[in-house]
N, C-alpha and C. Protein backbone atom coordinates (compact mmCIF):
# COMPACT_ATOMS: atom_id res chain seq x y z
N MET A 1 -6.32 -19.81 3.54
CA MET A 1 -6.20 -19.39 4.93
C MET A 1 -5.62 -17.98 5.00
N MET A 2 -6.25 -17.12 5.75
CA MET A 2 -5.79 -15.74 5.92
C MET A 2 -4.75 -15.69 7.03
N MET A 3 -3.99 -14.60 7.02
CA MET A 3 -2.95 -14.42 8.03
C MET A 3 -2.68 -12.93 8.18
N VAL A 4 -2.58 -12.48 9.40
CA VAL A 4 -2.23 -11.08 9.65
C VAL A 4 -0.72 -10.95 9.50
N TYR A 5 -0.31 -10.10 8.57
CA TYR A 5 1.11 -9.91 8.28
C TYR A 5 1.77 -9.11 9.40
N SER A 6 2.77 -9.68 10.03
CA SER A 6 3.50 -8.99 11.10
C SER A 6 4.47 -7.99 10.48
N PRO A 7 4.56 -6.78 11.03
CA PRO A 7 5.45 -5.78 10.46
C PRO A 7 6.90 -6.27 10.41
N ALA A 8 7.53 -6.03 9.28
CA ALA A 8 8.94 -6.35 9.08
C ALA A 8 9.59 -5.14 8.41
N GLU A 9 10.79 -5.32 7.86
CA GLU A 9 11.51 -4.20 7.25
C GLU A 9 10.66 -3.45 6.24
N ASP A 10 9.88 -4.18 5.45
CA ASP A 10 9.07 -3.55 4.42
C ASP A 10 7.99 -2.64 5.02
N SER A 11 7.28 -3.14 6.01
CA SER A 11 6.22 -2.35 6.65
C SER A 11 6.80 -1.08 7.28
N TRP A 12 7.91 -1.24 7.99
CA TRP A 12 8.51 -0.09 8.67
C TRP A 12 9.02 0.94 7.66
N LEU A 13 9.59 0.49 6.55
CA LEU A 13 10.09 1.41 5.54
C LEU A 13 8.95 2.23 4.94
N LEU A 14 7.84 1.58 4.63
CA LEU A 14 6.69 2.32 4.10
C LEU A 14 6.12 3.26 5.16
N ALA A 15 5.99 2.78 6.39
CA ALA A 15 5.45 3.62 7.48
C ALA A 15 6.31 4.86 7.71
N GLU A 16 7.62 4.70 7.61
CA GLU A 16 8.54 5.84 7.82
C GLU A 16 8.44 6.87 6.71
N ASN A 17 7.85 6.51 5.58
CA ASN A 17 7.79 7.42 4.44
C ASN A 17 6.39 7.93 4.14
N VAL A 18 5.52 7.88 5.14
CA VAL A 18 4.20 8.49 5.02
C VAL A 18 4.42 10.01 4.97
N PRO A 19 3.86 10.69 3.95
CA PRO A 19 4.06 12.14 3.86
C PRO A 19 3.29 12.89 4.94
N GLU A 20 3.64 14.14 5.09
CA GLU A 20 2.90 15.02 6.01
C GLU A 20 1.51 15.28 5.43
N PRO A 21 0.51 15.51 6.28
CA PRO A 21 -0.85 15.73 5.79
C PRO A 21 -0.97 16.94 4.86
N PHE A 22 -1.85 16.79 3.86
CA PHE A 22 -2.18 17.87 2.93
C PHE A 22 -3.61 17.64 2.45
N GLY A 23 -4.14 18.59 1.73
CA GLY A 23 -5.48 18.46 1.17
C GLY A 23 -6.52 18.23 2.24
N SER A 24 -7.39 17.25 2.01
CA SER A 24 -8.45 16.95 2.98
C SER A 24 -7.97 16.03 4.09
N LYS A 25 -6.70 15.63 4.03
CA LYS A 25 -6.05 14.77 5.04
C LYS A 25 -6.63 13.36 5.09
N GLU A 26 -7.16 12.89 3.96
CA GLU A 26 -7.73 11.54 3.90
C GLU A 26 -6.67 10.54 3.46
N PHE A 27 -6.45 9.49 4.24
CA PHE A 27 -5.40 8.51 4.03
C PHE A 27 -6.00 7.12 4.02
N LEU A 28 -5.70 6.34 2.98
CA LEU A 28 -6.19 4.97 2.87
C LEU A 28 -5.03 4.00 3.00
N ASP A 29 -5.11 3.09 3.96
CA ASP A 29 -4.12 2.03 4.17
C ASP A 29 -4.74 0.73 3.70
N ILE A 30 -4.37 0.30 2.48
CA ILE A 30 -4.91 -0.94 1.90
C ILE A 30 -4.07 -2.11 2.40
N GLY A 31 -4.74 -3.21 2.74
CA GLY A 31 -4.02 -4.37 3.25
C GLY A 31 -3.33 -4.03 4.55
N CYS A 32 -4.09 -3.47 5.47
CA CYS A 32 -3.54 -2.83 6.67
C CYS A 32 -2.79 -3.75 7.62
N GLY A 33 -3.07 -5.06 7.58
CA GLY A 33 -2.38 -5.96 8.51
C GLY A 33 -2.58 -5.51 9.95
N THR A 34 -1.49 -5.27 10.65
CA THR A 34 -1.57 -4.84 12.06
C THR A 34 -1.86 -3.35 12.20
N GLY A 35 -1.82 -2.61 11.09
CA GLY A 35 -2.14 -1.19 11.12
C GLY A 35 -0.96 -0.26 11.28
N ILE A 36 0.27 -0.77 11.21
CA ILE A 36 1.44 0.06 11.50
C ILE A 36 1.57 1.27 10.56
N ILE A 37 1.23 1.11 9.30
CA ILE A 37 1.33 2.24 8.36
C ILE A 37 0.26 3.27 8.69
N GLY A 38 -0.95 2.80 8.91
CA GLY A 38 -2.04 3.71 9.28
C GLY A 38 -1.79 4.40 10.61
N ILE A 39 -1.21 3.68 11.56
CA ILE A 39 -0.89 4.28 12.87
C ILE A 39 0.09 5.43 12.69
N ASN A 40 1.12 5.23 11.89
CA ASN A 40 2.08 6.30 11.67
C ASN A 40 1.42 7.49 10.97
N ALA A 41 0.51 7.21 10.03
CA ALA A 41 -0.22 8.28 9.36
C ALA A 41 -1.10 9.05 10.35
N ALA A 42 -1.81 8.32 11.21
CA ALA A 42 -2.68 8.96 12.20
C ALA A 42 -1.86 9.82 13.16
N ARG A 43 -0.69 9.34 13.55
CA ARG A 43 0.19 10.14 14.43
C ARG A 43 0.57 11.46 13.78
N LYS A 44 0.68 11.46 12.45
CA LYS A 44 1.05 12.68 11.73
C LYS A 44 -0.14 13.62 11.52
N GLY A 45 -1.35 13.12 11.79
CA GLY A 45 -2.53 13.97 11.65
C GLY A 45 -3.46 13.61 10.50
N TRP A 46 -3.21 12.50 9.82
CA TRP A 46 -4.09 12.06 8.75
C TRP A 46 -5.38 11.48 9.33
N HIS A 47 -6.49 11.55 8.57
CA HIS A 47 -7.74 10.83 8.86
C HIS A 47 -7.59 9.49 8.15
N VAL A 48 -7.41 8.43 8.88
CA VAL A 48 -7.01 7.14 8.32
C VAL A 48 -8.18 6.17 8.19
N THR A 49 -8.24 5.54 7.01
CA THR A 49 -9.13 4.42 6.76
C THR A 49 -8.26 3.21 6.48
N CYS A 50 -8.45 2.14 7.25
CA CYS A 50 -7.70 0.90 7.07
C CYS A 50 -8.61 -0.16 6.48
N THR A 51 -8.13 -0.85 5.43
CA THR A 51 -8.89 -1.95 4.85
C THR A 51 -8.01 -3.17 4.74
N ASP A 52 -8.64 -4.33 4.74
CA ASP A 52 -7.93 -5.59 4.54
C ASP A 52 -8.96 -6.65 4.16
N LEU A 53 -8.51 -7.64 3.41
CA LEU A 53 -9.36 -8.79 3.07
C LEU A 53 -9.69 -9.62 4.29
N ASP A 54 -8.79 -9.65 5.23
CA ASP A 54 -8.89 -10.51 6.40
C ASP A 54 -9.57 -9.77 7.56
N PRO A 55 -10.74 -10.22 7.99
CA PRO A 55 -11.40 -9.58 9.13
C PRO A 55 -10.53 -9.55 10.39
N LEU A 56 -9.69 -10.57 10.58
CA LEU A 56 -8.81 -10.57 11.75
C LEU A 56 -7.78 -9.44 11.67
N ALA A 57 -7.28 -9.16 10.48
CA ALA A 57 -6.34 -8.05 10.31
C ALA A 57 -7.01 -6.72 10.66
N VAL A 58 -8.22 -6.53 10.17
CA VAL A 58 -8.96 -5.30 10.47
C VAL A 58 -9.19 -5.17 11.97
N LYS A 59 -9.55 -6.25 12.62
CA LYS A 59 -9.75 -6.26 14.08
C LYS A 59 -8.44 -5.95 14.80
N THR A 60 -7.34 -6.53 14.32
CA THR A 60 -6.02 -6.29 14.92
C THR A 60 -5.61 -4.84 14.76
N ALA A 61 -5.81 -4.29 13.57
CA ALA A 61 -5.46 -2.88 13.33
C ALA A 61 -6.28 -1.97 14.26
N ARG A 62 -7.58 -2.23 14.37
CA ARG A 62 -8.43 -1.42 15.26
C ARG A 62 -7.92 -1.47 16.70
N ARG A 63 -7.60 -2.66 17.15
CA ARG A 63 -7.09 -2.83 18.52
C ARG A 63 -5.77 -2.07 18.71
N ASN A 64 -4.88 -2.13 17.71
CA ASN A 64 -3.60 -1.42 17.81
C ASN A 64 -3.79 0.10 17.79
N PHE A 65 -4.74 0.60 17.02
CA PHE A 65 -5.06 2.02 17.04
C PHE A 65 -5.55 2.41 18.43
N GLU A 66 -6.44 1.60 19.01
CA GLU A 66 -6.98 1.88 20.34
C GLU A 66 -5.88 1.91 21.39
N LYS A 67 -4.91 0.98 21.29
CA LYS A 67 -3.78 0.97 22.24
C LYS A 67 -2.98 2.25 22.16
N GLU A 68 -2.91 2.84 20.97
CA GLU A 68 -2.16 4.09 20.75
C GLU A 68 -3.03 5.32 20.99
N ASP A 69 -4.30 5.10 21.37
CA ASP A 69 -5.27 6.19 21.57
C ASP A 69 -5.44 7.02 20.30
N LEU A 70 -5.53 6.32 19.17
CA LEU A 70 -5.71 6.97 17.88
C LEU A 70 -7.05 6.52 17.30
N SER A 71 -7.62 7.36 16.44
CA SER A 71 -8.88 6.98 15.81
C SER A 71 -8.66 6.69 14.34
N GLY A 72 -9.51 5.87 13.79
CA GLY A 72 -9.46 5.51 12.38
C GLY A 72 -10.75 4.81 12.01
N GLU A 73 -10.87 4.51 10.74
CA GLU A 73 -12.01 3.77 10.23
C GLU A 73 -11.47 2.42 9.74
N PHE A 74 -12.19 1.33 9.98
CA PHE A 74 -11.69 -0.01 9.72
C PHE A 74 -12.73 -0.80 8.93
N LEU A 75 -12.36 -1.22 7.70
CA LEU A 75 -13.30 -1.87 6.80
C LEU A 75 -12.71 -3.15 6.21
N VAL A 76 -13.54 -4.17 6.08
CA VAL A 76 -13.12 -5.43 5.48
C VAL A 76 -13.48 -5.40 3.99
N GLY A 77 -12.50 -5.76 3.14
CA GLY A 77 -12.77 -5.83 1.71
C GLY A 77 -11.50 -5.82 0.89
N ASP A 78 -11.65 -6.06 -0.40
CA ASP A 78 -10.54 -6.16 -1.33
C ASP A 78 -10.26 -4.82 -2.00
N LEU A 79 -9.03 -4.39 -1.94
CA LEU A 79 -8.57 -3.14 -2.55
C LEU A 79 -9.56 -2.00 -2.30
N PHE A 80 -10.21 -1.47 -3.33
CA PHE A 80 -11.05 -0.27 -3.19
C PHE A 80 -12.52 -0.58 -2.97
N GLU A 81 -12.87 -1.86 -2.94
CA GLU A 81 -14.27 -2.26 -2.79
C GLU A 81 -14.96 -1.63 -1.58
N PRO A 82 -14.32 -1.59 -0.40
CA PRO A 82 -15.04 -1.04 0.76
C PRO A 82 -15.10 0.50 0.81
N VAL A 83 -14.44 1.19 -0.13
CA VAL A 83 -14.42 2.67 -0.07
C VAL A 83 -14.97 3.29 -1.35
N LYS A 84 -15.87 2.60 -2.01
CA LYS A 84 -16.45 3.09 -3.26
C LYS A 84 -17.01 4.50 -3.08
N GLY A 85 -16.72 5.35 -4.08
CA GLY A 85 -17.26 6.71 -4.07
C GLY A 85 -16.47 7.70 -3.23
N ARG A 86 -15.35 7.29 -2.65
CA ARG A 86 -14.58 8.18 -1.79
C ARG A 86 -13.27 8.58 -2.46
N LYS A 87 -12.69 9.69 -1.99
CA LYS A 87 -11.40 10.18 -2.49
C LYS A 87 -10.42 10.26 -1.34
N PHE A 88 -9.14 9.99 -1.65
CA PHE A 88 -8.07 10.02 -0.66
C PHE A 88 -6.90 10.83 -1.19
N ASP A 89 -6.21 11.50 -0.28
CA ASP A 89 -5.01 12.26 -0.65
C ASP A 89 -3.81 11.33 -0.76
N VAL A 90 -3.77 10.30 0.09
CA VAL A 90 -2.71 9.30 0.00
C VAL A 90 -3.35 7.92 0.10
N ILE A 91 -2.91 7.05 -0.81
CA ILE A 91 -3.29 5.64 -0.79
C ILE A 91 -1.99 4.87 -0.59
N ALA A 92 -1.89 4.11 0.49
CA ALA A 92 -0.68 3.36 0.80
C ALA A 92 -0.97 1.87 0.76
N PHE A 93 -0.01 1.10 0.22
CA PHE A 93 -0.20 -0.34 0.16
C PHE A 93 1.17 -1.02 0.19
N ASN A 94 1.38 -1.81 1.23
CA ASN A 94 2.55 -2.69 1.29
C ASN A 94 2.13 -3.97 0.58
N THR A 95 2.24 -3.95 -0.72
CA THR A 95 1.70 -5.05 -1.54
C THR A 95 2.46 -6.35 -1.33
N PRO A 96 1.78 -7.49 -1.51
CA PRO A 96 2.52 -8.75 -1.65
C PRO A 96 3.39 -8.61 -2.90
N TYR A 97 4.71 -8.72 -2.77
CA TYR A 97 5.59 -8.30 -3.87
C TYR A 97 6.63 -9.32 -4.32
N LEU A 98 6.63 -10.51 -3.79
CA LEU A 98 7.64 -11.48 -4.22
C LEU A 98 7.18 -12.23 -5.47
N PRO A 99 8.06 -12.35 -6.47
CA PRO A 99 7.72 -13.13 -7.66
C PRO A 99 7.53 -14.60 -7.28
N THR A 100 6.51 -15.22 -7.87
CA THR A 100 6.22 -16.60 -7.54
C THR A 100 6.00 -17.41 -8.81
N GLY A 101 6.12 -18.71 -8.67
CA GLY A 101 5.89 -19.64 -9.77
C GLY A 101 4.95 -20.74 -9.35
N GLN A 102 4.78 -21.69 -10.22
CA GLN A 102 3.88 -22.81 -9.96
C GLN A 102 4.25 -23.54 -8.67
N GLU A 103 5.56 -23.61 -8.39
CA GLU A 103 6.01 -24.34 -7.20
C GLU A 103 5.55 -23.68 -5.90
N ASP A 104 5.11 -22.43 -5.97
CA ASP A 104 4.68 -21.70 -4.77
C ASP A 104 3.17 -21.80 -4.52
N GLN A 105 2.43 -22.41 -5.41
CA GLN A 105 0.97 -22.40 -5.33
C GLN A 105 0.40 -22.99 -4.04
N ASP A 106 1.10 -23.95 -3.46
CA ASP A 106 0.59 -24.58 -2.24
C ASP A 106 1.27 -24.07 -0.97
N ALA A 107 2.10 -23.04 -1.11
CA ALA A 107 2.82 -22.51 0.05
C ALA A 107 1.85 -21.91 1.07
N GLU A 108 2.14 -22.16 2.32
CA GLU A 108 1.32 -21.64 3.39
C GLU A 108 1.45 -20.13 3.48
N ASN A 109 0.34 -19.46 3.72
CA ASN A 109 0.29 -18.01 3.93
C ASN A 109 0.83 -17.20 2.75
N ARG A 110 0.77 -17.75 1.56
CA ARG A 110 1.34 -17.04 0.41
C ARG A 110 0.59 -15.75 0.09
N ILE A 111 -0.63 -15.61 0.59
CA ILE A 111 -1.42 -14.41 0.31
C ILE A 111 -0.68 -13.13 0.74
N VAL A 112 0.17 -13.22 1.74
CA VAL A 112 0.85 -12.02 2.25
C VAL A 112 2.13 -11.69 1.51
N TRP A 113 2.63 -12.60 0.64
CA TRP A 113 3.87 -12.31 -0.07
C TRP A 113 3.83 -12.58 -1.56
N ASP A 114 2.79 -13.25 -2.06
CA ASP A 114 2.70 -13.66 -3.45
C ASP A 114 2.32 -12.50 -4.37
N GLY A 115 3.32 -12.01 -5.10
CA GLY A 115 3.10 -10.91 -6.04
C GLY A 115 2.89 -11.37 -7.47
N GLY A 116 2.68 -12.66 -7.67
CA GLY A 116 2.49 -13.17 -9.02
C GLY A 116 3.83 -13.43 -9.70
N LYS A 117 3.76 -13.87 -10.93
CA LYS A 117 4.95 -14.28 -11.68
C LYS A 117 6.03 -13.19 -11.71
N GLU A 118 5.62 -11.93 -11.84
CA GLU A 118 6.59 -10.83 -11.94
C GLU A 118 6.73 -10.02 -10.65
N GLY A 119 5.98 -10.40 -9.61
CA GLY A 119 6.08 -9.73 -8.33
C GLY A 119 5.38 -8.38 -8.26
N ILE A 120 4.61 -8.04 -9.30
CA ILE A 120 4.00 -6.70 -9.34
C ILE A 120 2.48 -6.74 -9.52
N ASN A 121 1.88 -7.92 -9.46
CA ASN A 121 0.44 -8.03 -9.71
C ASN A 121 -0.40 -7.07 -8.87
N HIS A 122 -0.14 -7.01 -7.58
CA HIS A 122 -0.96 -6.18 -6.69
C HIS A 122 -0.67 -4.69 -6.90
N ALA A 123 0.57 -4.36 -7.16
CA ALA A 123 0.92 -2.96 -7.44
C ALA A 123 0.23 -2.49 -8.71
N VAL A 124 0.24 -3.33 -9.75
CA VAL A 124 -0.42 -2.98 -11.01
C VAL A 124 -1.93 -2.83 -10.80
N SER A 125 -2.56 -3.77 -10.10
CA SER A 125 -4.00 -3.67 -9.82
C SER A 125 -4.33 -2.38 -9.08
N THR A 126 -3.48 -2.03 -8.14
CA THR A 126 -3.73 -0.82 -7.35
C THR A 126 -3.66 0.43 -8.21
N ILE A 127 -2.60 0.58 -8.99
CA ILE A 127 -2.48 1.81 -9.78
C ILE A 127 -3.53 1.88 -10.89
N LYS A 128 -3.96 0.73 -11.40
CA LYS A 128 -5.01 0.74 -12.43
C LYS A 128 -6.37 1.13 -11.86
N GLN A 129 -6.62 0.81 -10.60
CA GLN A 129 -7.92 1.10 -9.99
C GLN A 129 -7.95 2.39 -9.19
N ALA A 130 -6.80 2.91 -8.81
CA ALA A 130 -6.75 4.02 -7.85
C ALA A 130 -7.22 5.36 -8.39
N GLY A 131 -7.15 5.57 -9.69
CA GLY A 131 -7.46 6.88 -10.25
C GLY A 131 -8.74 7.51 -9.75
N GLY A 132 -9.80 6.75 -9.70
CA GLY A 132 -11.08 7.29 -9.24
C GLY A 132 -11.17 7.51 -7.75
N PHE A 133 -10.18 7.06 -7.01
CA PHE A 133 -10.19 7.19 -5.55
C PHE A 133 -9.16 8.19 -5.04
N LEU A 134 -8.40 8.78 -5.96
CA LEU A 134 -7.31 9.67 -5.60
C LEU A 134 -7.74 11.12 -5.80
N SER A 135 -7.46 11.96 -4.81
CA SER A 135 -7.77 13.37 -4.95
C SER A 135 -6.91 13.98 -6.06
N GLU A 136 -7.25 15.17 -6.48
CA GLU A 136 -6.55 15.83 -7.60
C GLU A 136 -5.04 15.89 -7.39
N GLU A 137 -4.61 16.21 -6.19
CA GLU A 137 -3.18 16.33 -5.88
C GLU A 137 -2.66 15.08 -5.16
N GLY A 138 -3.43 14.00 -5.20
CA GLY A 138 -3.14 12.81 -4.42
C GLY A 138 -1.92 12.03 -4.87
N GLU A 139 -1.55 11.09 -4.01
CA GLU A 139 -0.35 10.28 -4.20
C GLU A 139 -0.62 8.85 -3.74
N ILE A 140 -0.09 7.90 -4.49
CA ILE A 140 -0.12 6.50 -4.10
C ILE A 140 1.30 6.15 -3.67
N ILE A 141 1.44 5.52 -2.51
CA ILE A 141 2.77 5.04 -2.11
C ILE A 141 2.67 3.53 -1.93
N ILE A 142 3.57 2.83 -2.62
CA ILE A 142 3.56 1.38 -2.66
C ILE A 142 4.97 0.87 -2.41
N LEU A 143 5.06 -0.21 -1.66
CA LEU A 143 6.35 -0.85 -1.45
C LEU A 143 6.47 -2.04 -2.40
N VAL A 144 7.62 -2.13 -3.08
CA VAL A 144 7.90 -3.23 -4.00
C VAL A 144 9.32 -3.73 -3.76
N SER A 145 9.64 -4.84 -4.39
CA SER A 145 10.97 -5.43 -4.29
C SER A 145 11.70 -5.33 -5.63
N SER A 146 13.00 -5.19 -5.55
CA SER A 146 13.82 -5.19 -6.77
C SER A 146 13.77 -6.54 -7.48
N LEU A 147 13.26 -7.56 -6.81
CA LEU A 147 13.11 -8.88 -7.44
C LEU A 147 11.96 -8.90 -8.45
N GLY A 148 11.07 -7.91 -8.34
CA GLY A 148 9.94 -7.82 -9.25
C GLY A 148 10.31 -7.07 -10.52
N ASN A 149 9.40 -7.06 -11.48
CA ASN A 149 9.62 -6.39 -12.76
C ASN A 149 9.28 -4.90 -12.62
N ILE A 150 10.21 -4.15 -12.03
CA ILE A 150 9.99 -2.74 -11.73
C ILE A 150 9.86 -1.92 -13.02
N LYS A 151 10.65 -2.25 -14.04
CA LYS A 151 10.56 -1.51 -15.32
C LYS A 151 9.15 -1.61 -15.90
N LYS A 152 8.58 -2.80 -15.85
CA LYS A 152 7.22 -2.97 -16.37
C LYS A 152 6.21 -2.18 -15.53
N LEU A 153 6.38 -2.19 -14.22
CA LEU A 153 5.50 -1.42 -13.34
C LEU A 153 5.57 0.07 -13.68
N PHE A 154 6.78 0.61 -13.88
CA PHE A 154 6.93 2.02 -14.25
C PHE A 154 6.23 2.30 -15.58
N ARG A 155 6.39 1.41 -16.56
CA ARG A 155 5.77 1.60 -17.87
C ARG A 155 4.25 1.63 -17.75
N ILE A 156 3.69 0.68 -17.02
CA ILE A 156 2.24 0.63 -16.83
C ILE A 156 1.75 1.88 -16.10
N ALA A 157 2.49 2.32 -15.09
CA ALA A 157 2.10 3.53 -14.35
C ALA A 157 2.07 4.74 -15.29
N ARG A 158 3.07 4.88 -16.13
CA ARG A 158 3.08 6.01 -17.09
C ARG A 158 1.89 5.91 -18.04
N GLU A 159 1.57 4.70 -18.49
CA GLU A 159 0.40 4.50 -19.36
C GLU A 159 -0.90 4.88 -18.66
N GLN A 160 -0.93 4.75 -17.34
CA GLN A 160 -2.11 5.10 -16.55
C GLN A 160 -2.13 6.58 -16.17
N GLY A 161 -1.10 7.34 -16.62
CA GLY A 161 -1.07 8.78 -16.37
C GLY A 161 -0.37 9.20 -15.09
N TYR A 162 0.52 8.35 -14.58
CA TYR A 162 1.24 8.67 -13.35
C TYR A 162 2.70 8.98 -13.62
N ASN A 163 3.24 9.89 -12.86
CA ASN A 163 4.68 10.07 -12.75
C ASN A 163 5.11 9.25 -11.55
N VAL A 164 6.22 8.53 -11.69
CA VAL A 164 6.67 7.63 -10.64
C VAL A 164 8.03 8.08 -10.14
N SER A 165 8.21 8.03 -8.84
CA SER A 165 9.53 8.32 -8.27
C SER A 165 9.80 7.35 -7.11
N ILE A 166 11.07 7.12 -6.88
CA ILE A 166 11.49 6.29 -5.75
C ILE A 166 11.73 7.24 -4.59
N ILE A 167 10.98 7.07 -3.49
CA ILE A 167 11.14 7.99 -2.36
C ILE A 167 11.95 7.39 -1.22
N ALA A 168 12.18 6.08 -1.25
CA ALA A 168 13.02 5.44 -0.23
C ALA A 168 13.43 4.07 -0.73
N CYS A 169 14.55 3.61 -0.23
CA CYS A 169 14.98 2.25 -0.55
C CYS A 169 15.81 1.70 0.60
N LYS A 170 15.81 0.39 0.70
CA LYS A 170 16.58 -0.29 1.73
C LYS A 170 17.16 -1.56 1.14
N LYS A 171 18.48 -1.66 1.18
CA LYS A 171 19.15 -2.86 0.66
C LYS A 171 19.12 -3.95 1.71
N LEU A 172 18.71 -5.13 1.27
CA LEU A 172 18.75 -6.31 2.10
C LEU A 172 19.73 -7.29 1.45
N PHE A 173 19.90 -8.42 2.04
CA PHE A 173 20.88 -9.39 1.55
C PHE A 173 20.69 -9.73 0.07
N PHE A 174 19.46 -10.07 -0.33
CA PHE A 174 19.23 -10.57 -1.68
C PHE A 174 18.32 -9.69 -2.52
N GLU A 175 17.91 -8.55 -2.00
CA GLU A 175 17.00 -7.67 -2.72
C GLU A 175 17.11 -6.25 -2.18
N GLU A 176 16.43 -5.35 -2.87
CA GLU A 176 16.30 -3.98 -2.39
C GLU A 176 14.81 -3.69 -2.30
N LEU A 177 14.38 -3.14 -1.17
CA LEU A 177 13.00 -2.73 -1.01
C LEU A 177 12.89 -1.28 -1.45
N LEU A 178 11.84 -0.97 -2.22
CA LEU A 178 11.66 0.37 -2.75
C LEU A 178 10.28 0.90 -2.37
N VAL A 179 10.22 2.14 -1.91
CA VAL A 179 8.95 2.81 -1.72
C VAL A 179 8.78 3.72 -2.93
N LEU A 180 7.72 3.45 -3.70
CA LEU A 180 7.45 4.21 -4.91
C LEU A 180 6.30 5.17 -4.67
N SER A 181 6.41 6.35 -5.27
CA SER A 181 5.35 7.35 -5.24
C SER A 181 4.78 7.49 -6.65
N PHE A 182 3.48 7.41 -6.74
CA PHE A 182 2.76 7.57 -8.02
C PHE A 182 1.88 8.81 -7.87
N LYS A 183 2.10 9.79 -8.72
CA LYS A 183 1.26 10.99 -8.74
C LYS A 183 0.71 11.19 -10.13
N LYS A 184 -0.54 11.66 -10.21
CA LYS A 184 -1.14 11.94 -11.51
C LYS A 184 -0.28 12.96 -12.23
N SER A 185 -0.05 12.74 -13.51
CA SER A 185 0.79 13.63 -14.30
C SER A 185 0.30 15.07 -14.25
N SER A 186 -0.99 15.28 -14.26
CA SER A 186 -1.55 16.65 -14.20
C SER A 186 -1.21 17.31 -12.87
N ALA A 187 -1.15 16.53 -11.78
CA ALA A 187 -0.81 17.08 -10.46
C ALA A 187 0.65 17.51 -10.43
N GLU A 188 1.52 16.75 -11.09
CA GLU A 188 2.94 17.07 -11.11
C GLU A 188 3.20 18.35 -11.90
N ASN A 189 2.39 18.58 -12.94
CA ASN A 189 2.62 19.72 -13.82
C ASN A 189 1.88 20.97 -13.39
N ALA A 190 1.07 20.86 -12.35
CA ALA A 190 0.26 22.01 -11.91
C ALA A 190 1.11 23.06 -11.25
């Protein structure tokens, strides 16, 4: 069963850390949910493409853009599937990031929070696939939890040719939310 993820601390933290437009101003909001990250990007002047697995989420994001009198492109699909052959200056994803175990397999609506055993499955998939969709000077911004295996995520990102930095964090009762920036190593050294 699909579910449109309602914005919470994680969504707002990522939305607040959308960079100012640069390059071709192309912005991809993966797993757009209600569209809050894309809306903030559009307000800043980005050309926003919102994608989500859930057609209802895409419809909700489109409706929320219209309420704000903003324009965007809205596509249904998994990760980069609906944007094949395109390049983006920023790719943003508020990934499902909570570590899960066998006991969570039957949990309702787990698709919006299940980050796999180490809490980084979606972040790893994104950085492994993003290279061909990222402009030369592009950046991936992903929200993760300190409950996940952040060290492993950093190691995998470096193996994929990215420099990683923490651009924002927010302490909560039992975890810390982190907004991570991934830039191609060649872009950092240019």
